[in-house]
Amino acid sequence: MKKVIFMTVLMAFGLALFSGCASITGRTTGEYIDDASITTEANGIIIKEPDAGYWKIDVSSTQGNVVLDGFIHDKKAEERIVAKIGQIKGVKSVKSNLKVEKKK
């Protein structure tokens, strides 16, 4: 009987601990997974672009808001990438901090 009580208390403590983590950051596990999925899909879009191997682009996503940082060779390519990323399910906005850097 003592083991059952101990396990019940332990489980209640564990649930309280894990549920508290989401409230501290204000984000749920689902939101983290959605943002990771958005970031992965956005990186896939960038890789499929011509000359993508020469670009230095970092993608981050927080609560569906995507931010692109780095360098790109062509302003039109930047516009094309931003438009495609904006169509990803769950994306609320795309902010581009990309700087145009000509090929050397």
PDB file of N, CA and C in Angstrom:
ATOM      1  N   MET A   1       0.823  -1.187   0.000  1.00  0.00           N
ATOM      2  CA  MET A   1       0.000   0.000   0.000  1.00  0.00           C
ATOM      3  C   MET A   1       0.871   1.256   0.000  1.00  0.00           C
ATOM      4  N   LYS A   2       1.982   1.204   0.745  1.00  0.00           N
ATOM      5  CA  LYS A   2       2.869   2.350   0.805  1.00  0.00           C
ATOM      6  C   LYS A   2       3.475   2.632  -0.575  1.00  0.00           C
ATOM      7  N   LYS A   3       3.758   1.565  -1.337  1.00  0.00           N
ATOM      8  CA  LYS A   3       4.327   1.737  -2.679  1.00  0.00           C
ATOM      9  C   LYS A   3       3.335   2.445  -3.598  1.00  0.00           C
ATOM     10  N   VAL A   4       2.077   2.107  -3.492  1.00  0.00           N
ATOM     11  CA  VAL A   4       1.043   2.726  -4.322  1.00  0.00           C
ATOM     12  C   VAL A   4       0.930   4.215  -3.992  1.00  0.00           C
ATOM     13  N   ILE A   5       0.923   4.530  -2.717  1.00  0.00           N
ATOM     14  CA  ILE A   5       0.843   5.927  -2.293  1.00  0.00           C
ATOM     15  C   ILE A   5       2.085   6.682  -2.763  1.00  0.00           C
ATOM     16  N   PHE A   6       3.248   6.068  -2.577  1.00  0.00           N
ATOM     17  CA  PHE A   6       4.500   6.703  -3.003  1.00  0.00           C
ATOM     18  C   PHE A   6       4.496   6.963  -4.511  1.00  0.00           C
ATOM     19  N   MET A   7       4.076   5.988  -5.292  1.00  0.00           N
ATOM     20  CA  MET A   7       4.033   6.140  -6.762  1.00  0.00           C
ATOM     21  C   MET A   7       3.025   7.214  -7.175  1.00  0.00           C
ATOM     22  N   THR A   8       1.900   7.278  -6.490  1.00  0.00           N
ATOM     23  CA  THR A   8       0.885   8.289  -6.790  1.00  0.00           C
ATOM     24  C   THR A   8       1.427   9.690  -6.515  1.00  0.00           C
ATOM     25  N   VAL A   9       2.090   9.862  -5.382  1.00  0.00           N
ATOM     26  CA  VAL A   9       2.681  11.157  -5.033  1.00  0.00           C
ATOM     27  C   VAL A   9       3.769  11.512  -6.034  1.00  0.00           C
ATOM     28  N   LEU A  10       4.589  10.554  -6.397  1.00  0.00           N
ATOM     29  CA  LEU A  10       5.668  10.770  -7.355  1.00  0.00           C
ATOM     30  C   LEU A  10       5.115  11.179  -8.727  1.00  0.00           C
ATOM     31  N   MET A  11       4.067  10.516  -9.165  1.00  0.00           N
ATOM     32  CA  MET A  11       3.448  10.854 -10.454  1.00  0.00           C
ATOM     33  C   MET A  11       2.837  12.250 -10.409  1.00  0.00           C
ATOM     34  N   ALA A  12       2.167  12.591  -9.330  1.00  0.00           N
ATOM     35  CA  ALA A  12       1.559  13.916  -9.201  1.00  0.00           C
ATOM     36  C   ALA A  12       2.633  15.000  -9.212  1.00  0.00           C
ATOM     37  N   PHE A  13       3.735  14.754  -8.528  1.00  0.00           N
ATOM     38  CA  PHE A  13       4.842  15.704  -8.509  1.00  0.00           C
ATOM     39  C   PHE A  13       5.435  15.852  -9.917  1.00  0.00           C
ATOM     40  N   GLY A  14       5.620  14.736 -10.599  1.00  0.00           N
ATOM     41  CA  GLY A  14       6.175  14.766 -11.955  1.00  0.00           C
ATOM     42  C   GLY A  14       5.283  15.526 -12.920  1.00  0.00           C
ATOM     43  N   LEU A  15       3.989  15.305 -12.848  1.00  0.00           N
ATOM     44  CA  LEU A  15       3.054  16.018 -13.724  1.00  0.00           C
ATOM     45  C   LEU A  15       3.062  17.513 -13.433  1.00  0.00           C
ATOM     46  N   ALA A  16       3.121  17.871 -12.176  1.00  0.00           N
ATOM     47  CA  ALA A  16       3.163  19.290 -11.808  1.00  0.00           C
ATOM     48  C   ALA A  16       4.447  19.933 -12.319  1.00  0.00           C
ATOM     49  N   LEU A  17       5.530  19.209 -12.236  1.00  0.00           N
ATOM     50  CA  LEU A  17       6.816  19.728 -12.695  1.00  0.00           C
ATOM     51  C   LEU A  17       6.803  19.961 -14.200  1.00  0.00           C
ATOM     52  N   PHE A  18       6.341  18.984 -14.972  1.00  0.00           N
ATOM     53  CA  PHE A  18       6.332  19.114 -16.427  1.00  0.00           C
ATOM     54  C   PHE A  18       5.310  20.119 -16.929  1.00  0.00           C
ATOM     55  N   SER A  19       4.172  20.214 -16.295  1.00  0.00           N
ATOM     56  CA  SER A  19       3.184  21.188 -16.733  1.00  0.00           C
ATOM     57  C   SER A  19       3.633  22.605 -16.416  1.00  0.00           C
ATOM     58  N   GLY A  20       4.444  22.768 -15.401  1.00  0.00           N
ATOM     59  CA  GLY A  20       4.973  24.076 -15.049  1.00  0.00           C
ATOM     60  C   GLY A  20       5.946  24.600 -16.083  1.00  0.00           C
ATOM     61  N   CYS A  21       6.679  23.737 -16.775  1.00  0.00           N
ATOM     62  CA  CYS A  21       7.644  24.161 -17.783  1.00  0.00           C
ATOM     63  C   CYS A  21       6.966  24.909 -18.919  1.00  0.00           C
ATOM     64  N   ALA A  22       5.835  24.438 -19.357  1.00  0.00           N
ATOM     65  CA  ALA A  22       5.133  25.098 -20.459  1.00  0.00           C
ATOM     66  C   ALA A  22       4.640  26.474 -20.043  1.00  0.00           C
ATOM     67  N   SER A  23       4.219  26.596 -18.799  1.00  0.00           N
ATOM     68  CA  SER A  23       3.700  27.889 -18.369  1.00  0.00           C
ATOM     69  C   SER A  23       4.824  28.906 -18.143  1.00  0.00           C
ATOM     70  N   ILE A  24       6.021  28.450 -17.823  1.00  0.00           N
ATOM     71  CA  ILE A  24       7.139  29.362 -17.625  1.00  0.00           C
ATOM     72  C   ILE A  24       7.511  30.031 -18.936  1.00  0.00           C
ATOM     73  N   THR A  25       7.625  29.270 -20.016  1.00  0.00           N
ATOM     74  CA  THR A  25       8.017  29.822 -21.312  1.00  0.00           C
ATOM     75  C   THR A  25       6.829  30.376 -22.070  1.00  0.00           C
ATOM     76  N   GLY A  26       5.637  29.970 -21.698  1.00  0.00           N
ATOM     77  CA  GLY A  26       4.451  30.430 -22.404  1.00  0.00           C
ATOM     78  C   GLY A  26       4.196  29.662 -23.688  1.00  0.00           C
ATOM     79  N   ARG A  27       4.961  28.601 -23.930  1.00  0.00           N
ATOM     80  CA  ARG A  27       4.797  27.815 -25.151  1.00  0.00           C
ATOM     81  C   ARG A  27       4.549  26.356 -24.791  1.00  0.00           C
ATOM     82  N   THR A  28       3.709  25.719 -25.569  1.00  0.00           N
ATOM     83  CA  THR A  28       3.430  24.306 -25.341  1.00  0.00           C
ATOM     84  C   THR A  28       4.369  23.453 -26.174  1.00  0.00           C
ATOM     85  N   THR A  29       4.381  22.165 -25.877  1.00  0.00           N
ATOM     86  CA  THR A  29       5.196  21.236 -26.641  1.00  0.00           C
ATOM     87  C   THR A  29       4.785  21.244 -28.106  1.00  0.00           C
ATOM     88  N   GLY A  30       3.502  21.347 -28.358  1.00  0.00           N
ATOM     89  CA  GLY A  30       3.004  21.395 -29.740  1.00  0.00           C
ATOM     90  C   GLY A  30       3.550  22.586 -30.505  1.00  0.00           C
ATOM     91  N   GLU A  31       3.673  23.728 -29.826  1.00  0.00           N
ATOM     92  CA  GLU A  31       4.218  24.915 -30.487  1.00  0.00           C
ATOM     93  C   GLU A  31       5.688  24.723 -30.837  1.00  0.00           C
ATOM     94  N   TYR A  32       6.448  24.076 -29.941  1.00  0.00           N
ATOM     95  CA  TYR A  32       7.849  23.790 -30.242  1.00  0.00           C
ATOM     96  C   TYR A  32       7.958  22.885 -31.461  1.00  0.00           C
ATOM     97  N   ILE A  33       7.122  21.864 -31.513  1.00  0.00           N
ATOM     98  CA  ILE A  33       7.151  20.926 -32.633  1.00  0.00           C
ATOM     99  C   ILE A  33       6.741  21.628 -33.913  1.00  0.00           C
ATOM    100  N   ASP A  34       5.704  22.468 -33.870  1.00  0.00           N
ATOM    101  CA  ASP A  34       5.270  23.208 -35.054  1.00  0.00           C
ATOM    102  C   ASP A  34       6.383  24.112 -35.568  1.00  0.00           C
ATOM    103  N   ASP A  35       7.060  24.819 -34.672  1.00  0.00           N
ATOM    104  CA  ASP A  35       8.140  25.707 -35.086  1.00  0.00           C
ATOM    105  C   ASP A  35       9.305  24.921 -35.682  1.00  0.00           C
ATOM    106  N   ALA A  36       9.616  23.772 -35.110  1.00  0.00           N
ATOM    107  CA  ALA A  36      10.687  22.937 -35.658  1.00  0.00           C
ATOM    108  C   ALA A  36      10.313  22.449 -37.049  1.00  0.00           C
ATOM    109  N   SER A  37       9.061  22.086 -37.236  1.00  0.00           N
ATOM    110  CA  SER A  37       8.573  21.636 -38.539  1.00  0.00           C
ATOM    111  C   SER A  37       8.638  22.773 -39.567  1.00  0.00           C
ATOM    112  N   ILE A  38       8.248  23.967 -39.167  1.00  0.00           N
ATOM    113  CA  ILE A  38       8.293  25.134 -40.048  1.00  0.00           C
ATOM    114  C   ILE A  38       9.736  25.421 -40.448  1.00  0.00           C
ATOM    115  N   THR A  39      10.636  25.395 -39.483  1.00  0.00           N
ATOM    116  CA  THR A  39      12.053  25.665 -39.757  1.00  0.00           C
ATOM    117  C   THR A  39      12.625  24.636 -40.718  1.00  0.00           C
ATOM    118  N   THR A  40      12.286  23.377 -40.516  1.00  0.00           N
ATOM    119  CA  THR A  40      12.767  22.309 -41.399  1.00  0.00           C
ATOM    120  C   THR A  40      12.243  22.497 -42.811  1.00  0.00           C
ATOM    121  N   GLU A  41      10.967  22.796 -42.937  1.00  0.00           N
ATOM    122  CA  GLU A  41      10.372  22.988 -44.256  1.00  0.00           C
ATOM    123  C   GLU A  41      10.949  24.227 -44.949  1.00  0.00           C
ATOM    124  N   ALA A  42      11.185  25.290 -44.197  1.00  0.00           N
ATOM    125  CA  ALA A  42      11.777  26.506 -44.760  1.00  0.00           C
ATOM    126  C   ALA A  42      13.194  26.230 -45.257  1.00  0.00           C
ATOM    127  N   ASN A  43      13.966  25.468 -44.488  1.00  0.00           N
ATOM    128  CA  ASN A  43      15.314  25.096 -44.929  1.00  0.00           C
ATOM    129  C   ASN A  43      15.261  24.270 -46.211  1.00  0.00           C
ATOM    130  N   GLY A  44      14.255  23.410 -46.322  1.00  0.00           N
ATOM    131  CA  GLY A  44      14.073  22.619 -47.541  1.00  0.00           C
ATOM    132  C   GLY A  44      13.810  23.500 -48.756  1.00  0.00           C
ATOM    133  N   ILE A  45      13.025  24.544 -48.569  1.00  0.00           N
ATOM    134  CA  ILE A  45      12.742  25.490 -49.659  1.00  0.00           C
ATOM    135  C   ILE A  45      14.030  26.181 -50.096  1.00  0.00           C
ATOM    136  N   ILE A  46      14.826  26.595 -49.135  1.00  0.00           N
ATOM    137  CA  ILE A  46      16.077  27.285 -49.447  1.00  0.00           C
ATOM    138  C   ILE A  46      17.039  26.367 -50.202  1.00  0.00           C
ATOM    139  N   ILE A  47      17.148  25.131 -49.764  1.00  0.00           N
ATOM    140  CA  ILE A  47      18.060  24.185 -50.395  1.00  0.00           C
ATOM    141  C   ILE A  47      17.670  23.897 -51.839  1.00  0.00           C
ATOM    142  N   LYS A  48      16.382  23.907 -52.135  1.00  0.00           N
ATOM    143  CA  LYS A  48      15.909  23.611 -53.497  1.00  0.00           C
ATOM    144  C   LYS A  48      16.139  24.758 -54.473  1.00  0.00           C
ATOM    145  N   GLU A  49      16.478  25.933 -53.980  1.00  0.00           N
ATOM    146  CA  GLU A  49      16.714  27.081 -54.845  1.00  0.00           C
ATOM    147  C   GLU A  49      18.054  26.940 -55.572  1.00  0.00           C
ATOM    148  N   PRO A  50      18.134  27.453 -56.813  1.00  0.00           N
ATOM    149  CA  PRO A  50      19.418  27.430 -57.533  1.00  0.00           C
ATOM    150  C   PRO A  50      20.487  28.191 -56.738  1.00  0.00           C
ATOM    151  N   ASP A  51      21.702  27.717 -56.782  1.00  0.00           N
ATOM    152  CA  ASP A  51      22.853  28.317 -56.084  1.00  0.00           C
ATOM    153  C   ASP A  51      22.703  28.320 -54.570  1.00  0.00           C
ATOM    154  N   ALA A  52      21.838  27.492 -54.043  1.00  0.00           N
ATOM    155  CA  ALA A  52      21.602  27.493 -52.593  1.00  0.00           C
ATOM    156  C   ALA A  52      22.856  27.138 -51.807  1.00  0.00           C
ATOM    157  N   GLY A  53      23.735  26.362 -52.393  1.00  0.00           N
ATOM    158  CA  GLY A  53      24.956  25.962 -51.696  1.00  0.00           C
ATOM    159  C   GLY A  53      25.864  27.129 -51.365  1.00  0.00           C
ATOM    160  N   TYR A  54      25.663  28.248 -52.024  1.00  0.00           N
ATOM    161  CA  TYR A  54      26.510  29.411 -51.800  1.00  0.00           C
ATOM    162  C   TYR A  54      25.905  30.397 -50.803  1.00  0.00           C
ATOM    163  N   TRP A  55      24.687  30.173 -50.397  1.00  0.00           N
ATOM    164  CA  TRP A  55      24.018  31.101 -49.492  1.00  0.00           C
ATOM    165  C   TRP A  55      24.328  30.748 -48.047  1.00  0.00           C
ATOM    166  N   LYS A  56      24.325  31.756 -47.221  1.00  0.00           N
ATOM    167  CA  LYS A  56      24.506  31.571 -45.780  1.00  0.00           C
ATOM    168  C   LYS A  56      23.251  32.105 -45.108  1.00  0.00           C
ATOM    169  N   ILE A  57      22.238  31.247 -44.966  1.00  0.00           N
ATOM    170  CA  ILE A  57      20.952  31.695 -44.435  1.00  0.00           C
ATOM    171  C   ILE A  57      20.589  30.874 -43.196  1.00  0.00           C
ATOM    172  N   ASP A  58      20.313  31.575 -42.106  1.00  0.00           N
ATOM    173  CA  ASP A  58      19.835  30.937 -40.879  1.00  0.00           C
ATOM    174  C   ASP A  58      18.340  31.186 -40.767  1.00  0.00           C
ATOM    175  N   VAL A  59      17.606  30.121 -40.451  1.00  0.00           N
ATOM    176  CA  VAL A  59      16.153  30.206 -40.321  1.00  0.00           C
ATOM    177  C   VAL A  59      15.779  29.945 -38.869  1.00  0.00           C
ATOM    178  N   SER A  60      14.947  30.815 -38.310  1.00  0.00           N
ATOM    179  CA  SER A  60      14.410  30.560 -36.979  1.00  0.00           C
ATOM    180  C   SER A  60      12.909  30.819 -37.008  1.00  0.00           C
ATOM    181  N   SER A  61      12.193  30.085 -36.163  1.00  0.00           N
ATOM    182  CA  SER A  61      10.747  30.224 -36.117  1.00  0.00           C
ATOM    183  C   SER A  61      10.294  30.201 -34.664  1.00  0.00           C
ATOM    184  N   THR A  62       9.498  31.196 -34.303  1.00  0.00           N
ATOM    185  CA  THR A  62       8.936  31.266 -32.954  1.00  0.00           C
ATOM    186  C   THR A  62       7.455  31.588 -33.080  1.00  0.00           C
ATOM    187  N   GLN A  63       6.642  30.669 -32.616  1.00  0.00           N
ATOM    188  CA  GLN A  63       5.181  30.810 -32.655  1.00  0.00           C
ATOM    189  C   GLN A  63       4.695  31.148 -34.064  1.00  0.00           C
ATOM    190  N   GLY A  64       5.300  30.523 -35.073  1.00  0.00           N
ATOM    191  CA  GLY A  64       4.872  30.707 -36.455  1.00  0.00           C
ATOM    192  C   GLY A  64       5.452  31.923 -37.147  1.00  0.00           C
ATOM    193  N   ASN A  65       6.263  32.696 -36.444  1.00  0.00           N
ATOM    194  CA  ASN A  65       6.905  33.869 -37.033  1.00  0.00           C
ATOM    195  C   ASN A  65       8.323  33.488 -37.439  1.00  0.00           C
ATOM    196  N   VAL A  66       8.601  33.513 -38.736  1.00  0.00           N
ATOM    197  CA  VAL A  66       9.873  33.068 -39.279  1.00  0.00           C
ATOM    198  C   VAL A  66      10.786  34.270 -39.495  1.00  0.00           C
ATOM    199  N   VAL A  67      12.060  34.096 -39.139  1.00  0.00           N
ATOM    200  CA  VAL A  67      13.064  35.133 -39.362  1.00  0.00           C
ATOM    201  C   VAL A  67      14.213  34.517 -40.153  1.00  0.00           C
ATOM    202  N   LEU A  68      14.592  35.201 -41.232  1.00  0.00           N
ATOM    203  CA  LEU A  68      15.711  34.777 -42.067  1.00  0.00           C
ATOM    204  C   LEU A  68      16.871  35.743 -41.851  1.00  0.00           C
ATOM    205  N   ASP A  69      18.031  35.211 -41.488  1.00  0.00           N
ATOM    206  CA  ASP A  69      19.232  36.023 -41.290  1.00  0.00           C
ATOM    207  C   ASP A  69      20.343  35.467 -42.165  1.00  0.00           C
ATOM    208  N   GLY A  70      21.172  36.367 -42.709  1.00  0.00           N
ATOM    209  CA  GLY A  70      22.316  35.910 -43.469  1.00  0.00           C
ATOM    210  C   GLY A  70      22.492  36.668 -44.760  1.00  0.00           C
ATOM    211  N   PHE A  71      23.000  35.961 -45.759  1.00  0.00           N
ATOM    212  CA  PHE A  71      23.353  36.580 -47.024  1.00  0.00           C
ATOM    213  C   PHE A  71      22.749  35.816 -48.195  1.00  0.00           C
ATOM    214  N   ILE A  72      22.463  36.556 -49.252  1.00  0.00           N
ATOM    215  CA  ILE A  72      21.887  35.997 -50.469  1.00  0.00           C
ATOM    216  C   ILE A  72      22.484  36.774 -51.645  1.00  0.00           C
ATOM    217  N   HIS A  73      22.488  36.168 -52.826  1.00  0.00           N
ATOM    218  CA  HIS A  73      23.127  36.800 -53.980  1.00  0.00           C
ATOM    219  C   HIS A  73      22.180  37.623 -54.843  1.00  0.00           C
ATOM    220  N   ASP A  74      20.877  37.464 -54.640  1.00  0.00           N
ATOM    221  CA  ASP A  74      19.928  38.063 -55.576  1.00  0.00           C
ATOM    222  C   ASP A  74      18.656  38.480 -54.835  1.00  0.00           C
ATOM    223  N   LYS A  75      18.247  39.717 -55.011  1.00  0.00           N
ATOM    224  CA  LYS A  75      17.045  40.234 -54.343  1.00  0.00           C
ATOM    225  C   LYS A  75      15.784  39.494 -54.803  1.00  0.00           C
ATOM    226  N   LYS A  76      15.728  39.110 -56.084  1.00  0.00           N
ATOM    227  CA  LYS A  76      14.560  38.374 -56.596  1.00  0.00           C
ATOM    228  C   LYS A  76      14.462  36.996 -55.942  1.00  0.00           C
ATOM    229  N   ALA A  77      15.602  36.368 -55.736  1.00  0.00           N
ATOM    230  CA  ALA A  77      15.606  35.059 -55.075  1.00  0.00           C
ATOM    231  C   ALA A  77      15.101  35.200 -53.641  1.00  0.00           C
ATOM    232  N   GLU A  78      15.478  36.287 -52.991  1.00  0.00           N
ATOM    233  CA  GLU A  78      15.008  36.544 -51.630  1.00  0.00           C
ATOM    234  C   GLU A  78      13.481  36.671 -51.613  1.00  0.00           C
ATOM    235  N   GLU A  79      12.955  37.439 -52.539  1.00  0.00           N
ATOM    236  CA  GLU A  79      11.494  37.618 -52.611  1.00  0.00           C
ATOM    237  C   GLU A  79      10.790  36.297 -52.874  1.00  0.00           C
ATOM    238  N   ARG A  80      11.378  35.468 -53.736  1.00  0.00           N
ATOM    239  CA  ARG A  80      10.789  34.163 -54.071  1.00  0.00           C
ATOM    240  C   ARG A  80      10.790  33.253 -52.842  1.00  0.00           C
ATOM    241  N   ILE A  81      11.887  33.235 -52.112  1.00  0.00           N
ATOM    242  CA  ILE A  81      11.997  32.392 -50.915  1.00  0.00           C
ATOM    243  C   ILE A  81      11.016  32.859 -49.838  1.00  0.00           C
ATOM    244  N   VAL A  82      10.942  34.156 -49.613  1.00  0.00           N
ATOM    245  CA  VAL A  82      10.026  34.700 -48.599  1.00  0.00           C
ATOM    246  C   VAL A  82       8.587  34.333 -48.945  1.00  0.00           C
ATOM    247  N   ALA A  83       8.230  34.434 -50.226  1.00  0.00           N
ATOM    248  CA  ALA A  83       6.862  34.096 -50.649  1.00  0.00           C
ATOM    249  C   ALA A  83       6.567  32.613 -50.416  1.00  0.00           C
ATOM    250  N   LYS A  84       7.519  31.742 -50.760  1.00  0.00           N
ATOM    251  CA  LYS A  84       7.308  30.303 -50.587  1.00  0.00           C
ATOM    252  C   LYS A  84       7.212  29.931 -49.106  1.00  0.00           C
ATOM    253  N   ILE A  85       8.066  30.517 -48.290  1.00  0.00           N
ATOM    254  CA  ILE A  85       8.031  30.223 -46.853  1.00  0.00           C
ATOM    255  C   ILE A  85       6.717  30.727 -46.247  1.00  0.00           C
ATOM    256  N   GLY A  86       6.215  31.835 -46.739  1.00  0.00           N
ATOM    257  CA  GLY A  86       4.955  32.377 -46.247  1.00  0.00           C
ATOM    258  C   GLY A  86       3.766  31.462 -46.500  1.00  0.00           C
ATOM    259  N   GLN A  87       3.915  30.525 -47.444  1.00  0.00           N
ATOM    260  CA  GLN A  87       2.831  29.596 -47.770  1.00  0.00           C
ATOM    261  C   GLN A  87       2.856  28.329 -46.927  1.00  0.00           C
ATOM    262  N   ILE A  88       3.895  28.159 -46.104  1.00  0.00           N
ATOM    263  CA  ILE A  88       3.985  26.974 -45.250  1.00  0.00           C
ATOM    264  C   ILE A  88       2.870  27.024 -44.210  1.00  0.00           C
ATOM    265  N   LYS A  89       2.236  25.885 -43.994  1.00  0.00           N
ATOM    266  CA  LYS A  89       1.156  25.800 -43.010  1.00  0.00           C
ATOM    267  C   LYS A  89       1.682  26.171 -41.625  1.00  0.00           C
ATOM    268  N   GLY A  90       1.007  27.097 -40.969  1.00  0.00           N
ATOM    269  CA  GLY A  90       1.376  27.512 -39.629  1.00  0.00           C
ATOM    270  C   GLY A  90       2.214  28.775 -39.577  1.00  0.00           C
ATOM    271  N   VAL A  91       2.690  29.244 -40.732  1.00  0.00           N
ATOM    272  CA  VAL A  91       3.503  30.459 -40.758  1.00  0.00           C
ATOM    273  C   VAL A  91       2.589  31.679 -40.671  1.00  0.00           C
ATOM    274  N   LYS A  92       2.867  32.546 -39.703  1.00  0.00           N
ATOM    275  CA  LYS A  92       2.092  33.768 -39.533  1.00  0.00           C
ATOM    276  C   LYS A  92       2.757  34.944 -40.228  1.00  0.00           C
ATOM    277  N   SER A  93       4.089  34.977 -40.189  1.00  0.00           N
ATOM    278  CA  SER A  93       4.825  36.063 -40.835  1.00  0.00           C
ATOM    279  C   SER A  93       6.232  35.593 -41.187  1.00  0.00           C
ATOM    280  N   VAL A  94       6.838  36.288 -42.156  1.00  0.00           N
ATOM    281  CA  VAL A  94       8.221  36.015 -42.538  1.00  0.00           C
ATOM    282  C   VAL A  94       8.950  37.350 -42.557  1.00  0.00           C
ATOM    283  N   LYS A  95       9.986  37.448 -41.747  1.00  0.00           N
ATOM    284  CA  LYS A  95      10.804  38.661 -41.712  1.00  0.00           C
ATOM    285  C   LYS A  95      12.169  38.316 -42.294  1.00  0.00           C
ATOM    286  N   SER A  96      12.572  39.056 -43.310  1.00  0.00           N
ATOM    287  CA  SER A  96      13.854  38.815 -43.946  1.00  0.00           C
ATOM    288  C   SER A  96      14.866  39.866 -43.513  1.00  0.00           C
ATOM    289  N   ASN A  97      15.935  39.400 -42.889  1.00  0.00           N
ATOM    290  CA  ASN A  97      17.071  40.251 -42.543  1.00  0.00           C
ATOM    291  C   ASN A  97      18.253  39.919 -43.464  1.00  0.00           C
ATOM    292  N   LEU A  98      17.940  39.387 -44.652  1.00  0.00           N
ATOM    293  CA  LEU A  98      18.987  38.964 -45.576  1.00  0.00           C
ATOM    294  C   LEU A  98      19.649  40.173 -46.221  1.00  0.00           C
ATOM    295  N   LYS A  99      20.941  40.058 -46.421  1.00  0.00           N
ATOM    296  CA  LYS A  99      21.711  41.092 -47.084  1.00  0.00           C
ATOM    297  C   LYS A  99      22.192  40.540 -48.419  1.00  0.00           C
ATOM    298  N   VAL A 100      22.104  41.356 -49.462  1.00  0.00           N
ATOM    299  CA  VAL A 100      22.555  40.917 -50.787  1.00  0.00           C
ATOM    300  C   VAL A 100      24.079  41.004 -50.830  1.00  0.00           C
ATOM    301  N   GLU A 101      24.681  39.883 -51.196  1.00  0.00           N
ATOM    302  CA  GLU A 101      26.140  39.793 -51.321  1.00  0.00           C
ATOM    303  C   GLU A 101      26.432  39.210 -52.697  1.00  0.00           C
ATOM    304  N   LYS A 102      27.091  39.958 -53.545  1.00  0.00           N
ATOM    305  CA  LYS A 102      27.398  39.493 -54.893  1.00  0.00           C
ATOM    306  C   LYS A 102      28.396  38.358 -54.856  1.00  0.00           C
ATOM    307  N   LYS A 103      28.257  37.421 -55.808  1.00  0.00           N
ATOM    308  CA  LYS A 103      29.202  36.309 -55.928  1.00  0.00           C
ATOM    309  C   LYS A 103      30.585  36.840 -56.221  1.00  0.00           C
ATOM    310  N   LYS A 104      31.553  36.176 -55.649  1.00  0.00           N
ATOM    311  CA  LYS A 104      32.953  36.606 -55.875  1.00  0.00           C
ATOM    312  C   LYS A 104      33.622  35.710 -56.877  1.00  0.00           C
TER     313      LYS A 104
END
